[in-house]
C-alpha cells in the first residue's frame, strides 16, 4: 500500500462540537467579517463552501479555511466546485485550469486521464485546506437539453458516465478529497438553467431509468447533491429537492444512503423564502441545506429552520467527518507530466 500524508484540514481549529446544524454556508468575501464569525460560531453549520468571490491567492484561501473552521470550533468540511471547464473557482495564475470534463473524457485513455486530472485538482485543494469537491457530475445530457450541463458531463451515454465517474472519484480520493455525486437523480434532461428557472421532466419512468444508472453505480458515495427539477412521473407538484417521493426514490430505488445535500437553496428554480425552502427540503428528507450566496440575512433565516443533525442524518454526517482525507505519497510533478503527455497526444492526433 502506498504511504499517505495528511492534508491541511483542521489546522488551527478548536475542539469539535457535537451535532452541528443541518446546513452548509458560503461567505461574502476573501476574509470573514466579525458578523460572519459570530454567526458561524452560534449557528455551528456542518460545513462551508467557497466560490470565486472568496478566492485571491493560495495563502489567502488557506487562511480563510482556517478562519472558517476556527469560527465553527470544529473540523468542518469545506467544499468547492472545481470540475474544470466553466465550473472551476480556482483559476490561473495560481492554479491549473482544465478543459470541460467531456473533452478529457473523449480520449481513448479517458479513465487514466480523468484519474490523473482529478488527482491534480485534489492536490491543489487539499494543500489549501479544502477537503470536499462537488464532483463527479453524473448527469447524462440528452439531445435538446439546456447546456447548463453540456460539456460538464463525462459522456452522453449512461454506462460511460458511470464508468468514468469511478476514475474521477479515484483521483479525488488519491489526493485527499471527498467527492460529491451530483445532481441525483439526474439533471441531464432539463431544458432550462435551474440557476434561474424551474423545469419539469415529463419523460416516462422507463426513460428515466437511463438517468439513474450512474447514480446506482455510485450509490456507495458518502456525499450527494440533489437536482432542482420536477420529475412528473414521481411527483407532479414538488421539485425533487423538496419531494419526499423523489427522496424516497433516491434512497430506496437508487440505493444512495450517503449524506444528501440540496443543490444551492438560493437558486432561481425554487420559490418561497429561503427559510421556507430550507424547511421543505429538510422535511422531504434532505440531510443538509446548501446555501451558497453568502448573504448573512438569508443564512440567519435558514439557521432558524436547520436544527442540529439527528438520527440517520447525524450518522451520515459522522461518517463524512470520519472519512480519511489523506494524500497518496506520489510525485505530483510526475502525475502532471503523465496528464499533459496523454492530453497532448490527443491534441496532436
C-alpha atoms as a PDB file:
ATOM      1  CA  UNK A   1       0.000   0.000   0.000  1.00  0.00           C
ATOM      2  CA  UNK A   2       1.327   3.500  -0.763  1.00  0.00           C
ATOM      3  CA  UNK A   3       2.093   5.657   2.194  1.00  0.00           C
ATOM      4  CA  UNK A   4      -0.002   8.758   2.684  1.00  0.00           C
ATOM      5  CA  UNK A   5       0.300  12.221   4.088  1.00  0.00           C
ATOM      6  CA  UNK A   6      -2.267  14.240   5.960  1.00  0.00           C
ATOM      7  CA  UNK A   7      -3.812  17.288   4.338  1.00  0.00           C
ATOM      8  CA  UNK A   8      -4.079  20.694   5.957  1.00  0.00           C
ATOM      9  CA  UNK A   9      -7.674  20.037   7.046  1.00  0.00           C
ATOM     10  CA  UNK A  10      -8.383  21.030  10.610  1.00  0.00           C
ATOM     11  CA  UNK A  11      -5.278  23.056  11.370  1.00  0.00           C
ATOM     12  CA  UNK A  12      -5.671  25.813  13.960  1.00  0.00           C
ATOM     13  CA  UNK A  13      -9.253  24.952  14.889  1.00  0.00           C
ATOM     14  CA  UNK A  14     -10.759  24.494  18.291  1.00  0.00           C
ATOM     15  CA  UNK A  15     -12.443  21.410  19.733  1.00  0.00           C
ATOM     16  CA  UNK A  16     -15.099  19.650  17.696  1.00  0.00           C
ATOM     17  CA  UNK A  17     -18.690  20.381  18.686  1.00  0.00           C
ATOM     18  CA  UNK A  18     -21.292  17.627  18.773  1.00  0.00           C
ATOM     19  CA  UNK A  19     -24.199  17.611  16.317  1.00  0.00           C
ATOM     20  CA  UNK A  20     -23.637  20.582  14.022  1.00  0.00           C
ATOM     21  CA  UNK A  21     -26.642  22.103  12.288  1.00  0.00           C
ATOM     22  CA  UNK A  22     -28.065  20.766   9.039  1.00  0.00           C
ATOM     23  CA  UNK A  23     -26.561  23.472   6.838  1.00  0.00           C
ATOM     24  CA  UNK A  24     -23.570  24.345   4.687  1.00  0.00           C
ATOM     25  CA  UNK A  25     -22.961  28.060   4.167  1.00  0.00           C
ATOM     26  CA  UNK A  26     -20.909  30.309   1.933  1.00  0.00           C
ATOM     27  CA  UNK A  27     -19.308  33.579   2.989  1.00  0.00           C
ATOM     28  CA  UNK A  28     -19.222  37.006   1.386  1.00  0.00           C
ATOM     29  CA  UNK A  29     -15.563  37.701   0.657  1.00  0.00           C
ATOM     30  CA  UNK A  30     -11.920  36.744   1.000  1.00  0.00           C
ATOM     31  CA  UNK A  31     -11.886  37.040   4.806  1.00  0.00           C
ATOM     32  CA  UNK A  32     -14.573  36.665   7.431  1.00  0.00           C
ATOM     33  CA  UNK A  33     -16.249  39.712   8.883  1.00  0.00           C
ATOM     34  CA  UNK A  34     -16.834  39.918  12.613  1.00  0.00           C
ATOM     35  CA  UNK A  35     -20.550  39.401  11.986  1.00  0.00           C
ATOM     36  CA  UNK A  36     -19.871  36.243   9.967  1.00  0.00           C
ATOM     37  CA  UNK A  37     -17.560  34.855  12.641  1.00  0.00           C
ATOM     38  CA  UNK A  38     -20.200  35.445  15.305  1.00  0.00           C
ATOM     39  CA  UNK A  39     -22.924  33.905  13.183  1.00  0.00           C
ATOM     40  CA  UNK A  40     -20.945  30.759  12.345  1.00  0.00           C
ATOM     41  CA  UNK A  41     -19.931  30.344  15.999  1.00  0.00           C
ATOM     42  CA  UNK A  42     -23.590  30.443  17.010  1.00  0.00           C
ATOM     43  CA  UNK A  43     -25.063  28.513  14.045  1.00  0.00           C
ATOM     44  CA  UNK A  44     -22.423  25.743  14.079  1.00  0.00           C
ATOM     45  CA  UNK A  45     -23.006  24.650  10.457  1.00  0.00           C
ATOM     46  CA  UNK A  46     -21.977  21.214   9.246  1.00  0.00           C
ATOM     47  CA  UNK A  47     -19.668  22.815   6.663  1.00  0.00           C
ATOM     48  CA  UNK A  48     -18.806  25.660   4.332  1.00  0.00           C
ATOM     49  CA  UNK A  49     -18.483  26.206   0.578  1.00  0.00           C
ATOM     50  CA  UNK A  50     -16.165  28.523  -1.344  1.00  0.00           C
ATOM     51  CA  UNK A  51     -16.748  30.393  -4.608  1.00  0.00           C
ATOM     52  CA  UNK A  52     -14.680  32.621  -6.887  1.00  0.00           C
ATOM     53  CA  UNK A  53     -15.570  35.669  -4.770  1.00  0.00           C
ATOM     54  CA  UNK A  54     -13.722  34.016  -1.880  1.00  0.00           C
ATOM     55  CA  UNK A  55     -10.524  33.399  -3.832  1.00  0.00           C
ATOM     56  CA  UNK A  56      -7.449  35.576  -4.302  1.00  0.00           C
ATOM     57  CA  UNK A  57      -4.128  33.877  -3.532  1.00  0.00           C
ATOM     58  CA  UNK A  58      -3.206  30.444  -2.135  1.00  0.00           C
ATOM     59  CA  UNK A  59      -2.162  31.987   1.174  1.00  0.00           C
ATOM     60  CA  UNK A  60      -5.432  33.899   1.427  1.00  0.00           C
ATOM     61  CA  UNK A  61      -7.591  30.830   0.665  1.00  0.00           C
ATOM     62  CA  UNK A  62      -5.710  28.720   3.205  1.00  0.00           C
ATOM     63  CA  UNK A  63      -6.177  31.488   5.758  1.00  0.00           C
ATOM     64  CA  UNK A  64      -9.890  31.717   5.014  1.00  0.00           C
ATOM     65  CA  UNK A  65     -10.250  27.949   5.517  1.00  0.00           C
ATOM     66  CA  UNK A  66      -8.586  28.307   8.905  1.00  0.00           C
ATOM     67  CA  UNK A  67     -10.916  31.193   9.791  1.00  0.00           C
ATOM     68  CA  UNK A  68     -13.992  29.186   8.838  1.00  0.00           C
ATOM     69  CA  UNK A  69     -13.012  26.173  10.912  1.00  0.00           C
ATOM     70  CA  UNK A  70     -11.969  28.331  13.830  1.00  0.00           C
ATOM     71  CA  UNK A  71     -15.295  30.177  13.743  1.00  0.00           C
ATOM     72  CA  UNK A  72     -17.265  26.938  13.973  1.00  0.00           C
ATOM     73  CA  UNK A  73     -14.956  25.419  16.567  1.00  0.00           C
ATOM     74  CA  UNK A  74     -14.793  22.117  14.697  1.00  0.00           C
ATOM     75  CA  UNK A  75     -13.058  20.356  11.836  1.00  0.00           C
ATOM     76  CA  UNK A  76     -15.835  21.372   9.479  1.00  0.00           C
ATOM     77  CA  UNK A  77     -15.772  20.149   5.866  1.00  0.00           C
ATOM     78  CA  UNK A  78     -15.012  22.867   3.316  1.00  0.00           C
ATOM     79  CA  UNK A  79     -16.461  22.355  -0.158  1.00  0.00           C
ATOM     80  CA  UNK A  80     -15.805  23.827  -3.576  1.00  0.00           C
ATOM     81  CA  UNK A  81     -16.943  23.239  -7.175  1.00  0.00           C
ATOM     82  CA  UNK A  82     -13.726  22.508  -9.067  1.00  0.00           C
ATOM     83  CA  UNK A  83     -14.824  20.474 -12.078  1.00  0.00           C
ATOM     84  CA  UNK A  84     -12.795  22.133 -14.826  1.00  0.00           C
ATOM     85  CA  UNK A  85     -14.187  23.997 -17.827  1.00  0.00           C
ATOM     86  CA  UNK A  86     -16.555  26.795 -16.880  1.00  0.00           C
ATOM     87  CA  UNK A  87     -17.034  25.453 -13.346  1.00  0.00           C
ATOM     88  CA  UNK A  88     -13.732  25.992 -11.573  1.00  0.00           C
ATOM     89  CA  UNK A  89     -13.445  28.507  -8.769  1.00  0.00           C
ATOM     90  CA  UNK A  90      -9.644  28.349  -8.592  1.00  0.00           C
ATOM     91  CA  UNK A  91      -8.002  29.683 -11.746  1.00  0.00           C
ATOM     92  CA  UNK A  92      -4.698  30.805 -13.213  1.00  0.00           C
ATOM     93  CA  UNK A  93      -2.231  32.211 -12.419  1.00  0.00           C
ATOM     94  CA  UNK A  94      -2.195  30.440  -9.050  1.00  0.00           C
ATOM     95  CA  UNK A  95      -3.891  27.190 -10.056  1.00  0.00           C
ATOM     96  CA  UNK A  96      -4.096  24.892 -13.064  1.00  0.00           C
ATOM     97  CA  UNK A  97      -7.006  25.297 -15.461  1.00  0.00           C
ATOM     98  CA  UNK A  98      -8.625  22.300 -17.104  1.00  0.00           C
ATOM     99  CA  UNK A  99     -10.902  21.887 -20.141  1.00  0.00           C
ATOM    100  CA  UNK A 100     -14.525  20.763 -19.763  1.00  0.00           C
ATOM    101  CA  UNK A 101     -14.685  17.211 -18.447  1.00  0.00           C
ATOM    102  CA  UNK A 102     -16.261  15.828 -21.609  1.00  0.00           C
ATOM    103  CA  UNK A 103     -13.199  16.792 -23.654  1.00  0.00           C
ATOM    104  CA  UNK A 104     -10.826  14.782 -21.498  1.00  0.00           C
ATOM    105  CA  UNK A 105     -13.420  12.009 -21.288  1.00  0.00           C
ATOM    106  CA  UNK A 106     -13.452  11.668 -25.089  1.00  0.00           C
ATOM    107  CA  UNK A 107      -9.854  10.370 -25.128  1.00  0.00           C
ATOM    108  CA  UNK A 108      -9.322   6.609 -25.691  1.00  0.00           C
ATOM    109  CA  UNK A 109      -7.492   6.559 -22.350  1.00  0.00           C
ATOM    110  CA  UNK A 110     -10.140   8.639 -20.617  1.00  0.00           C
ATOM    111  CA  UNK A 111     -10.169   6.588 -17.413  1.00  0.00           C
ATOM    112  CA  UNK A 112      -6.461   7.200 -16.861  1.00  0.00           C
ATOM    113  CA  UNK A 113      -6.641  10.852 -17.895  1.00  0.00           C
ATOM    114  CA  UNK A 114      -9.564  11.649 -15.613  1.00  0.00           C
ATOM    115  CA  UNK A 115      -7.949   9.955 -12.633  1.00  0.00           C
ATOM    116  CA  UNK A 116      -4.760  11.971 -13.216  1.00  0.00           C
ATOM    117  CA  UNK A 117      -6.707  15.204 -13.774  1.00  0.00           C
ATOM    118  CA  UNK A 118      -8.735  14.928 -10.580  1.00  0.00           C
ATOM    119  CA  UNK A 119      -5.686  13.831  -8.609  1.00  0.00           C
ATOM    120  CA  UNK A 120      -4.042  17.111  -9.649  1.00  0.00           C
ATOM    121  CA  UNK A 121      -7.183  19.051  -8.705  1.00  0.00           C
ATOM    122  CA  UNK A 122      -7.369  17.252  -5.364  1.00  0.00           C
ATOM    123  CA  UNK A 123      -3.742  18.006  -4.566  1.00  0.00           C
ATOM    124  CA  UNK A 124      -4.351  21.712  -5.121  1.00  0.00           C
ATOM    125  CA  UNK A 125      -7.470  21.687  -2.969  1.00  0.00           C
ATOM    126  CA  UNK A 126      -6.017  19.718  -0.079  1.00  0.00           C
ATOM    127  CA  UNK A 127      -2.965  21.969   0.041  1.00  0.00           C
ATOM    128  CA  UNK A 128      -5.336  24.855   0.777  1.00  0.00           C
ATOM    129  CA  UNK A 129      -7.345  23.028   3.438  1.00  0.00           C
ATOM    130  CA  UNK A 130     -10.349  22.326   1.194  1.00  0.00           C
ATOM    131  CA  UNK A 131     -11.428  18.716   1.660  1.00  0.00           C
ATOM    132  CA  UNK A 132     -14.587  18.174  -0.431  1.00  0.00           C
ATOM    133  CA  UNK A 133     -15.085  18.688  -4.173  1.00  0.00           C
ATOM    134  CA  UNK A 134     -18.571  18.768  -5.708  1.00  0.00           C
ATOM    135  CA  UNK A 135     -17.697  16.212  -8.392  1.00  0.00           C
ATOM    136  CA  UNK A 136     -18.204  13.911 -10.193  1.00  0.00           C
ATOM    137  CA  UNK A 137     -21.158  15.252 -12.130  1.00  0.00           C
ATOM    138  CA  UNK A 138     -23.044  12.080 -13.095  1.00  0.00           C
ATOM    139  CA  UNK A 139     -25.808  13.668 -15.171  1.00  0.00           C
ATOM    140  CA  UNK A 140     -26.432  12.249 -18.668  1.00  0.00           C
ATOM    141  CA  UNK A 141     -27.248  15.109 -21.076  1.00  0.00           C
ATOM    142  CA  UNK A 142     -29.797  14.334 -23.777  1.00  0.00           C
ATOM    143  CA  UNK A 143     -30.334  15.961 -27.154  1.00  0.00           C
ATOM    144  CA  UNK A 144     -32.246  19.221 -26.861  1.00  0.00           C
ATOM    145  CA  UNK A 145     -31.368  19.800 -23.208  1.00  0.00           C
ATOM    146  CA  UNK A 146     -30.061  23.132 -21.937  1.00  0.00           C
ATOM    147  CA  UNK A 147     -26.281  23.422 -21.899  1.00  0.00           C
ATOM    148  CA  UNK A 148     -26.269  24.085 -18.133  1.00  0.00           C
ATOM    149  CA  UNK A 149     -24.881  20.523 -18.075  1.00  0.00           C
ATOM    150  CA  UNK A 150     -23.493  20.118 -21.597  1.00  0.00           C
ATOM    151  CA  UNK A 151     -19.729  19.541 -21.664  1.00  0.00           C
ATOM    152  CA  UNK A 152     -19.603  19.448 -17.882  1.00  0.00           C
ATOM    153  CA  UNK A 153     -20.874  15.879 -18.263  1.00  0.00           C
ATOM    154  CA  UNK A 154     -18.471  12.962 -18.556  1.00  0.00           C
ATOM    155  CA  UNK A 155     -20.302  11.467 -21.538  1.00  0.00           C
ATOM    156  CA  UNK A 156     -23.692  11.236 -23.223  1.00  0.00           C
ATOM    157  CA  UNK A 157     -24.042   7.531 -22.514  1.00  0.00           C
ATOM    158  CA  UNK A 158     -25.177   6.463 -19.050  1.00  0.00           C
ATOM    159  CA  UNK A 159     -22.877   3.461 -18.742  1.00  0.00           C
ATOM    160  CA  UNK A 160     -19.882   5.521 -19.844  1.00  0.00           C
ATOM    161  CA  UNK A 161     -20.750   8.198 -17.273  1.00  0.00           C
ATOM    162  CA  UNK A 162     -20.947   5.536 -14.584  1.00  0.00           C
ATOM    163  CA  UNK A 163     -17.568   4.070 -15.530  1.00  0.00           C
ATOM    164  CA  UNK A 164     -15.778   7.399 -15.842  1.00  0.00           C
ATOM    165  CA  UNK A 165     -17.252   8.606 -12.564  1.00  0.00           C
ATOM    166  CA  UNK A 166     -15.140   5.992 -10.793  1.00  0.00           C
ATOM    167  CA  UNK A 167     -11.988   7.487 -12.335  1.00  0.00           C
ATOM    168  CA  UNK A 168     -12.973  10.949 -11.068  1.00  0.00           C
ATOM    169  CA  UNK A 169     -13.657   9.644  -7.578  1.00  0.00           C
ATOM    170  CA  UNK A 170     -10.419   7.651  -7.509  1.00  0.00           C
ATOM    171  CA  UNK A 171      -8.378  10.707  -8.466  1.00  0.00           C
ATOM    172  CA  UNK A 172     -10.024  12.892  -5.838  1.00  0.00           C
ATOM    173  CA  UNK A 173      -9.616  10.331  -3.060  1.00  0.00           C
ATOM    174  CA  UNK A 174      -5.955   9.762  -4.015  1.00  0.00           C
ATOM    175  CA  UNK A 175      -5.416  13.476  -3.474  1.00  0.00           C
ATOM    176  CA  UNK A 176      -7.129  13.564  -0.076  1.00  0.00           C
ATOM    177  CA  UNK A 177     -10.516  14.913  -1.186  1.00  0.00           C
ATOM    178  CA  UNK A 178     -14.032  13.546  -0.651  1.00  0.00           C
ATOM    179  CA  UNK A 179     -16.242  13.508  -3.792  1.00  0.00           C
ATOM    180  CA  UNK A 180     -19.874  14.625  -4.042  1.00  0.00           C
ATOM    181  CA  UNK A 181     -22.003  12.867  -6.668  1.00  0.00           C
ATOM    182  CA  UNK A 182     -24.455  15.203  -8.385  1.00  0.00           C
ATOM    183  CA  UNK A 183     -27.208  16.001  -9.361  1.00  0.00           C
ATOM    184  CA  UNK A 184     -29.152  12.997  -8.113  1.00  0.00           C
ATOM    185  CA  UNK A 185     -31.441  11.570  -9.550  1.00  0.00           C
ATOM    186  CA  UNK A 186     -30.332  13.264 -12.805  1.00  0.00           C
ATOM    187  CA  UNK A 187     -30.217  16.739 -14.366  1.00  0.00           C
ATOM    188  CA  UNK A 188     -29.442  15.869 -17.981  1.00  0.00           C
ATOM    189  CA  UNK A 189     -32.973  16.422 -19.319  1.00  0.00           C
ATOM    190  CA  UNK A 190     -33.522  19.989 -18.130  1.00  0.00           C
ATOM    191  CA  UNK A 191     -34.408  22.406 -20.906  1.00  0.00           C
ATOM    192  CA  UNK A 192     -33.694  25.470 -18.758  1.00  0.00           C
ATOM    193  CA  UNK A 193     -30.913  26.655 -16.474  1.00  0.00           C
ATOM    194  CA  UNK A 194     -32.174  25.859 -12.988  1.00  0.00           C
ATOM    195  CA  UNK A 195     -29.985  28.597 -11.560  1.00  0.00           C
ATOM    196  CA  UNK A 196     -32.765  30.832 -12.898  1.00  0.00           C
ATOM    197  CA  UNK A 197     -35.902  28.789 -13.650  1.00  0.00           C
ATOM    198  CA  UNK A 198     -37.666  25.566 -12.683  1.00  0.00           C
ATOM    199  CA  UNK A 199     -38.156  22.856 -15.297  1.00  0.00           C
ATOM    200  CA  UNK A 200     -40.448  19.849 -15.411  1.00  0.00           C
ATOM    201  CA  UNK A 201     -39.197  16.485 -16.654  1.00  0.00           C
ATOM    202  CA  UNK A 202     -42.131  14.742 -18.345  1.00  0.00           C
ATOM    203  CA  UNK A 203     -40.446  11.535 -19.529  1.00  0.00           C
ATOM    204  CA  UNK A 204     -41.761   8.130 -18.523  1.00  0.00           C
ATOM    205  CA  UNK A 205     -40.162   6.205 -15.676  1.00  0.00           C
ATOM    206  CA  UNK A 206     -38.720   3.674 -18.131  1.00  0.00           C
ATOM    207  CA  UNK A 207     -36.880   6.517 -19.875  1.00  0.00           C
ATOM    208  CA  UNK A 208     -35.614   7.988 -16.608  1.00  0.00           C
ATOM    209  CA  UNK A 209     -34.075   4.633 -15.718  1.00  0.00           C
ATOM    210  CA  UNK A 210     -31.171   5.564 -18.008  1.00  0.00           C
ATOM    211  CA  UNK A 211     -30.505   8.667 -15.918  1.00  0.00           C
ATOM    212  CA  UNK A 212     -30.431   6.579 -12.739  1.00  0.00           C
ATOM    213  CA  UNK A 213     -27.730   4.171 -13.988  1.00  0.00           C
ATOM    214  CA  UNK A 214     -24.698   6.278 -12.970  1.00  0.00           C
ATOM    215  CA  UNK A 215     -26.173   7.100  -9.565  1.00  0.00           C
ATOM    216  CA  UNK A 216     -26.949   3.454  -8.823  1.00  0.00           C
ATOM    217  CA  UNK A 217     -23.361   2.622  -9.754  1.00  0.00           C
ATOM    218  CA  UNK A 218     -22.125   5.272  -7.306  1.00  0.00           C
ATOM    219  CA  UNK A 219     -24.666   4.733  -4.542  1.00  0.00           C
ATOM    220  CA  UNK A 220     -21.818   3.939  -2.135  1.00  0.00           C
ATOM    221  CA  UNK A 221     -20.612   7.564  -2.181  1.00  0.00           C
ATOM    222  CA  UNK A 222     -20.565   9.381   1.154  1.00  0.00           C
ATOM    223  CA  UNK A 223     -21.977  12.631  -0.241  1.00  0.00           C
ATOM    224  CA  UNK A 224     -24.595  13.501  -2.844  1.00  0.00           C
ATOM    225  CA  UNK A 225     -26.377  16.601  -4.139  1.00  0.00           C
ATOM    226  CA  UNK A 226     -29.958  16.872  -5.383  1.00  0.00           C
ATOM    227  CA  UNK A 227     -31.372  18.367  -8.572  1.00  0.00           C
ATOM    228  CA  UNK A 228     -33.887  21.231  -8.611  1.00  0.00           C
ATOM    229  CA  UNK A 229     -36.248  19.631 -11.150  1.00  0.00           C
ATOM    230  CA  UNK A 230     -39.823  18.383 -11.054  1.00  0.00           C
ATOM    231  CA  UNK A 231     -39.968  14.722 -12.112  1.00  0.00           C
ATOM    232  CA  UNK A 232     -43.652  14.448 -13.010  1.00  0.00           C
ATOM    233  CA  UNK A 233     -43.762  10.657 -13.108  1.00  0.00           C
ATOM    234  CA  UNK A 234     -42.642  10.622  -9.443  1.00  0.00           C
ATOM    235  CA  UNK A 235     -44.183  13.827  -8.057  1.00  0.00           C
ATOM    236  CA  UNK A 236     -46.199  16.210 -10.225  1.00  0.00           C
ATOM    237  CA  UNK A 237     -46.114  19.033  -7.690  1.00  0.00           C
ATOM    238  CA  UNK A 238     -42.811  19.270  -5.874  1.00  0.00           C
ATOM    239  CA  UNK A 239     -39.282  19.930  -7.069  1.00  0.00           C
ATOM    240  CA  UNK A 240     -37.042  16.914  -6.436  1.00  0.00           C
ATOM    241  CA  UNK A 241     -35.167  18.674  -3.648  1.00  0.00           C
ATOM    242  CA  UNK A 242     -38.454  19.212  -1.821  1.00  0.00           C
ATOM    243  CA  UNK A 243     -40.200  15.977  -2.765  1.00  0.00           C
ATOM    244  CA  UNK A 244     -40.491  13.153  -0.247  1.00  0.00           C
ATOM    245  CA  UNK A 245     -41.329  10.830  -3.150  1.00  0.00           C
ATOM    246  CA  UNK A 246     -38.153  11.746  -5.053  1.00  0.00           C
ATOM    247  CA  UNK A 247     -36.006  11.449  -1.913  1.00  0.00           C
ATOM    248  CA  UNK A 248     -37.575   8.030  -1.303  1.00  0.00           C
ATOM    249  CA  UNK A 249     -36.632   7.042  -4.864  1.00  0.00           C
ATOM    250  CA  UNK A 250     -33.064   8.200  -4.217  1.00  0.00           C
ATOM    251  CA  UNK A 251     -32.855   6.200  -1.001  1.00  0.00           C
ATOM    252  CA  UNK A 252     -34.804   3.042  -1.839  1.00  0.00           C
ATOM    253  CA  UNK A 253     -34.583   2.613  -5.611  1.00  0.00           C
ATOM    254  CA  UNK A 254     -31.233   4.163  -6.464  1.00  0.00           C
ATOM    255  CA  UNK A 255     -29.865   2.954  -3.130  1.00  0.00           C
ATOM    256  CA  UNK A 256     -27.967   6.064  -2.062  1.00  0.00           C
ATOM    257  CA  UNK A 257     -27.606   6.202   1.722  1.00  0.00           C
ATOM    258  CA  UNK A 258     -24.936   8.895   1.992  1.00  0.00           C
ATOM    259  CA  UNK A 259     -25.317  12.459   3.238  1.00  0.00           C
ATOM    260  CA  UNK A 260     -27.760  14.151   0.869  1.00  0.00           C
ATOM    261  CA  UNK A 261     -27.424  17.914   0.468  1.00  0.00           C
ATOM    262  CA  UNK A 262     -29.635  20.199  -1.557  1.00  0.00           C
ATOM    263  CA  UNK A 263     -28.292  21.989  -4.561  1.00  0.00           C
ATOM    264  CA  UNK A 264     -27.971  25.685  -3.706  1.00  0.00           C
ATOM    265  CA  UNK A 265     -31.195  26.588  -1.914  1.00  0.00           C
ATOM    266  CA  UNK A 266     -30.976  30.184  -3.172  1.00  0.00           C
ATOM    267  CA  UNK A 267     -31.242  29.219  -6.865  1.00  0.00           C
ATOM    268  CA  UNK A 268     -33.945  30.764  -9.045  1.00  0.00           C
ATOM    269  CA  UNK A 269     -35.631  27.429  -9.750  1.00  0.00           C
ATOM    270  CA  UNK A 270     -37.117  27.499  -6.257  1.00  0.00           C
ATOM    271  CA  UNK A 271     -39.946  29.619  -4.866  1.00  0.00           C
ATOM    272  CA  UNK A 272     -40.718  30.914  -1.392  1.00  0.00           C
ATOM    273  CA  UNK A 273     -38.380  32.450   1.157  1.00  0.00           C
ATOM    274  CA  UNK A 274     -35.081  30.723   1.824  1.00  0.00           C
ATOM    275  CA  UNK A 275     -36.403  29.690   5.228  1.00  0.00           C
ATOM    276  CA  UNK A 276     -39.459  28.083   3.611  1.00  0.00           C
ATOM    277  CA  UNK A 277     -37.262  26.345   1.064  1.00  0.00           C
ATOM    278  CA  UNK A 278     -34.952  25.002   3.763  1.00  0.00           C
ATOM    279  CA  UNK A 279     -37.872  23.723   5.812  1.00  0.00           C
ATOM    280  CA  UNK A 280     -39.447  21.959   2.839  1.00  0.00           C
ATOM    281  CA  UNK A 281     -36.164  20.327   1.783  1.00  0.00           C
ATOM    282  CA  UNK A 282     -35.433  19.007   5.274  1.00  0.00           C
ATOM    283  CA  UNK A 283     -38.998  17.819   5.736  1.00  0.00           C
ATOM    284  CA  UNK A 284     -38.808  15.966   2.409  1.00  0.00           C
ATOM    285  CA  UNK A 285     -35.754  14.064   3.599  1.00  0.00           C
ATOM    286  CA  UNK A 286     -32.641  16.004   2.613  1.00  0.00           C
ATOM    287  CA  UNK A 287     -29.986  15.823   5.318  1.00  0.00           C
ATOM    288  CA  UNK A 288     -28.328  19.197   4.675  1.00  0.00           C
ATOM    289  CA  UNK A 289     -29.360  22.557   3.241  1.00  0.00           C
ATOM    290  CA  UNK A 290     -26.699  24.085   0.989  1.00  0.00           C
ATOM    291  CA  UNK A 291     -26.775  27.896   0.858  1.00  0.00           C
ATOM    292  CA  UNK A 292     -24.134  29.452  -1.353  1.00  0.00           C
ATOM    293  CA  UNK A 293     -24.501  33.208  -1.870  1.00  0.00           C
ATOM    294  CA  UNK A 294     -23.039  34.363   1.455  1.00  0.00           C
ATOM    295  CA  UNK A 295     -25.999  36.613   2.308  1.00  0.00           C
ATOM    296  CA  UNK A 296     -25.925  36.838   6.093  1.00  0.00           C
ATOM    297  CA  UNK A 297     -29.597  37.748   6.419  1.00  0.00           C
ATOM    298  CA  UNK A 298     -30.608  34.682   4.394  1.00  0.00           C
ATOM    299  CA  UNK A 299     -28.252  32.436   6.350  1.00  0.00           C
ATOM    300  CA  UNK A 300     -29.737  33.676   9.604  1.00  0.00           C
ATOM    301  CA  UNK A 301     -33.219  32.794   8.337  1.00  0.00           C
ATOM    302  CA  UNK A 302     -32.071  29.303   7.326  1.00  0.00           C
ATOM    303  CA  UNK A 303     -30.382  28.746  10.685  1.00  0.00           C
ATOM    304  CA  UNK A 304     -33.751  29.133  12.369  1.00  0.00           C
ATOM    305  CA  UNK A 305     -35.025  26.146  10.357  1.00  0.00           C
ATOM    306  CA  UNK A 306     -31.912  23.961  10.232  1.00  0.00           C
ATOM    307  CA  UNK A 307     -31.702  22.417  13.658  1.00  0.00           C
ATOM    308  CA  UNK A 308     -28.961  20.129  14.883  1.00  0.00           C
ATOM    309  CA  UNK A 309     -28.381  16.993  12.828  1.00  0.00           C
ATOM    310  CA  UNK A 310     -30.041  13.969  14.402  1.00  0.00           C
ATOM    311  CA  UNK A 311     -30.910  10.359  13.704  1.00  0.00           C
ATOM    312  CA  UNK A 312     -29.773   8.906  10.377  1.00  0.00           C
ATOM    313  CA  UNK A 313     -28.685  12.350   9.171  1.00  0.00           C
ATOM    314  CA  UNK A 314     -26.306  12.697  12.123  1.00  0.00           C
ATOM    315  CA  UNK A 315     -24.925   9.215  11.459  1.00  0.00           C
ATOM    316  CA  UNK A 316     -24.268  10.084   7.808  1.00  0.00           C
ATOM    317  CA  UNK A 317     -22.590  13.339   8.840  1.00  0.00           C
ATOM    318  CA  UNK A 318     -20.367  11.463  11.295  1.00  0.00           C
ATOM    319  CA  UNK A 319     -19.354   9.067   8.511  1.00  0.00           C
ATOM    320  CA  UNK A 320     -18.282  12.040   6.393  1.00  0.00           C
ATOM    321  CA  UNK A 321     -16.353  13.557   9.296  1.00  0.00           C
ATOM    322  CA  UNK A 322     -14.618  10.236   9.974  1.00  0.00           C
ATOM    323  CA  UNK A 323     -13.645   9.523   6.359  1.00  0.00           C
ATOM    324  CA  UNK A 324      -9.869   9.751   5.752  1.00  0.00           C
ATOM    325  CA  UNK A 325      -8.502  12.779   3.925  1.00  0.00           C
ATOM    326  CA  UNK A 326      -5.029  11.514   3.099  1.00  0.00           C
ATOM    327  CA  UNK A 327      -2.907  12.104   0.038  1.00  0.00           C
ATOM    328  CA  UNK A 328      -1.136   9.185  -1.593  1.00  0.00           C
ATOM    329  CA  UNK A 329       2.629   9.630  -1.346  1.00  0.00           C
ATOM    330  CA  UNK A 330       3.340  10.295  -5.021  1.00  0.00           C
ATOM    331  CA  UNK A 331       5.388  12.688  -7.117  1.00  0.00           C
ATOM    332  CA  UNK A 332       2.764  15.247  -8.130  1.00  0.00           C
ATOM    333  CA  UNK A 333       5.061  16.577 -10.871  1.00  0.00           C
ATOM    334  CA  UNK A 334       5.045  13.108 -12.403  1.00  0.00           C
ATOM    335  CA  UNK A 335       1.248  12.987 -12.217  1.00  0.00           C
ATOM    336  CA  UNK A 336       1.128  16.298 -14.066  1.00  0.00           C
ATOM    337  CA  UNK A 337       3.654  15.053 -16.638  1.00  0.00           C
ATOM    338  CA  UNK A 338       1.558  11.951 -17.322  1.00  0.00           C
ATOM    339  CA  UNK A 339      -1.611  14.022 -17.683  1.00  0.00           C
ATOM    340  CA  UNK A 340      -0.014  16.511 -20.054  1.00  0.00           C
ATOM    341  CA  UNK A 341       1.625  13.779 -22.128  1.00  0.00           C
ATOM    342  CA  UNK A 342      -1.671  11.973 -22.683  1.00  0.00           C
ATOM    343  CA  UNK A 343      -3.692  15.105 -23.406  1.00  0.00           C
ATOM    344  CA  UNK A 344      -1.023  16.429 -25.780  1.00  0.00           C
ATOM    345  CA  UNK A 345      -1.231  13.142 -27.694  1.00  0.00           C
ATOM    346  CA  UNK A 346      -4.942  13.813 -28.101  1.00  0.00           C
ATOM    347  CA  UNK A 347      -4.263  17.327 -29.392  1.00  0.00           C
ATOM    348  CA  UNK A 348      -1.708  16.032 -31.889  1.00  0.00           C
ATOM    349  CA  UNK A 349      -3.956  13.234 -33.147  1.00  0.00           C
END
